[in-house]
Structure formats: C-alpha cells, structure tokens
Amino acid sequence: MQQFTHEMNDGWGLATDGKVLYGSDGSSTLYQIDPHTFKVISKHVVYYKGHQVHNLNELEFINGEIWANVYTSDCIAKISPEDGGVLGWILLPNLREELVAAGNNGIDVLNGIAWDSEQNRIFVTGKLWPKLYEIKVVPIKKPLEEGDIEKFCLRKPFKFTS
C-alpha cells in the first residue's frame, strides 16, 4: 500500500468529476486535489450569505455541483466547484423524523450521499440508519423565512472530544 501526504487536516469526504478530486476535512474549506500527485490544486472557503459553512462532510459530484452534507445537520449544501459559493440547499429533516417515529432512536447524523449518473438517481443515508433513501429534489412549497437556513444548516465548527 502506498502512502501520501496532503494539506487537509483530516479526511472527511472525497468526490471526483473525473478530472480532479474534491476533498473535505470537516472545516469550511473545499479542496481541489490532483488525482495523480495528491497535491492541492486550489481550495475555497465555502460561504452562504457571508457565513462560513463549517463541518463539510460527505461529498458527491452531481451535475457540475459538489453536494456536501453539513455534519450534525439534516442539510446538504450544493456548492460551486469554481468559487465555493453555496448554490442551494437540500433539507432532509423529514427522514430523521420518520426514522425516530418508527422507533429508530439510536440513529446518528445524515452522512451519506451517492449519485447514480446512469439512471439519474440520488441516494442518502446516515450513520446507524437502517435505511438507504432514494430522494428526488423538488422546490419547497412553502417559502422559507429569513434566517431559516442559518438556523437549520449552519453550525459552529465541530470539535471531537476524546
């Protein structure tokens, strides 16, 4: 097994567009990495309305966007690979609510995104979740109120305790 070094503090998420790797380390930084040398090509701090989006976790490259779940939230940020700006949000609190209502009290965070490009399908799951969900992204019917995304999706930087 070959080892390599990288600039990320930790390895939380990795995705590719077929040309470069995109990596996350649990911070608000999105890294672009050369897949041959594993050197960082560029990096962007991810922002939404002037706020850093901390705790970027699992990543998936979907239709020209990087989708990242925000650790300890039920939100997925759709991120521009060019500048790190948030293009939109996917809110999934209903999945957790459904699992808890069915008696799955030991579930943990939303933590998995998978893209089936051949059949244009998106799947999500979480730590200790007994189900894998296929989701279809549709616009919300009721407009969000000012500050809802900040309340539901933005978190302070996460620190593991030993």
Foldseek 3Di string as FASTA:
>chain_A
DDDDDEDAPAFFEWEDPVQWIWTDRQAQKIFTAGPPRRYTPDIARADDPRDTAGGFGYWYQDPQWIWTARPPFQKIFTAHPVHNYTPDMDGDPVVVVVCVVVPNPPFHTWHDWDADVVVGWIWTDGHPGPDIDIDDDDDDPDDDDPCPCVVRRGDDRDDDDD
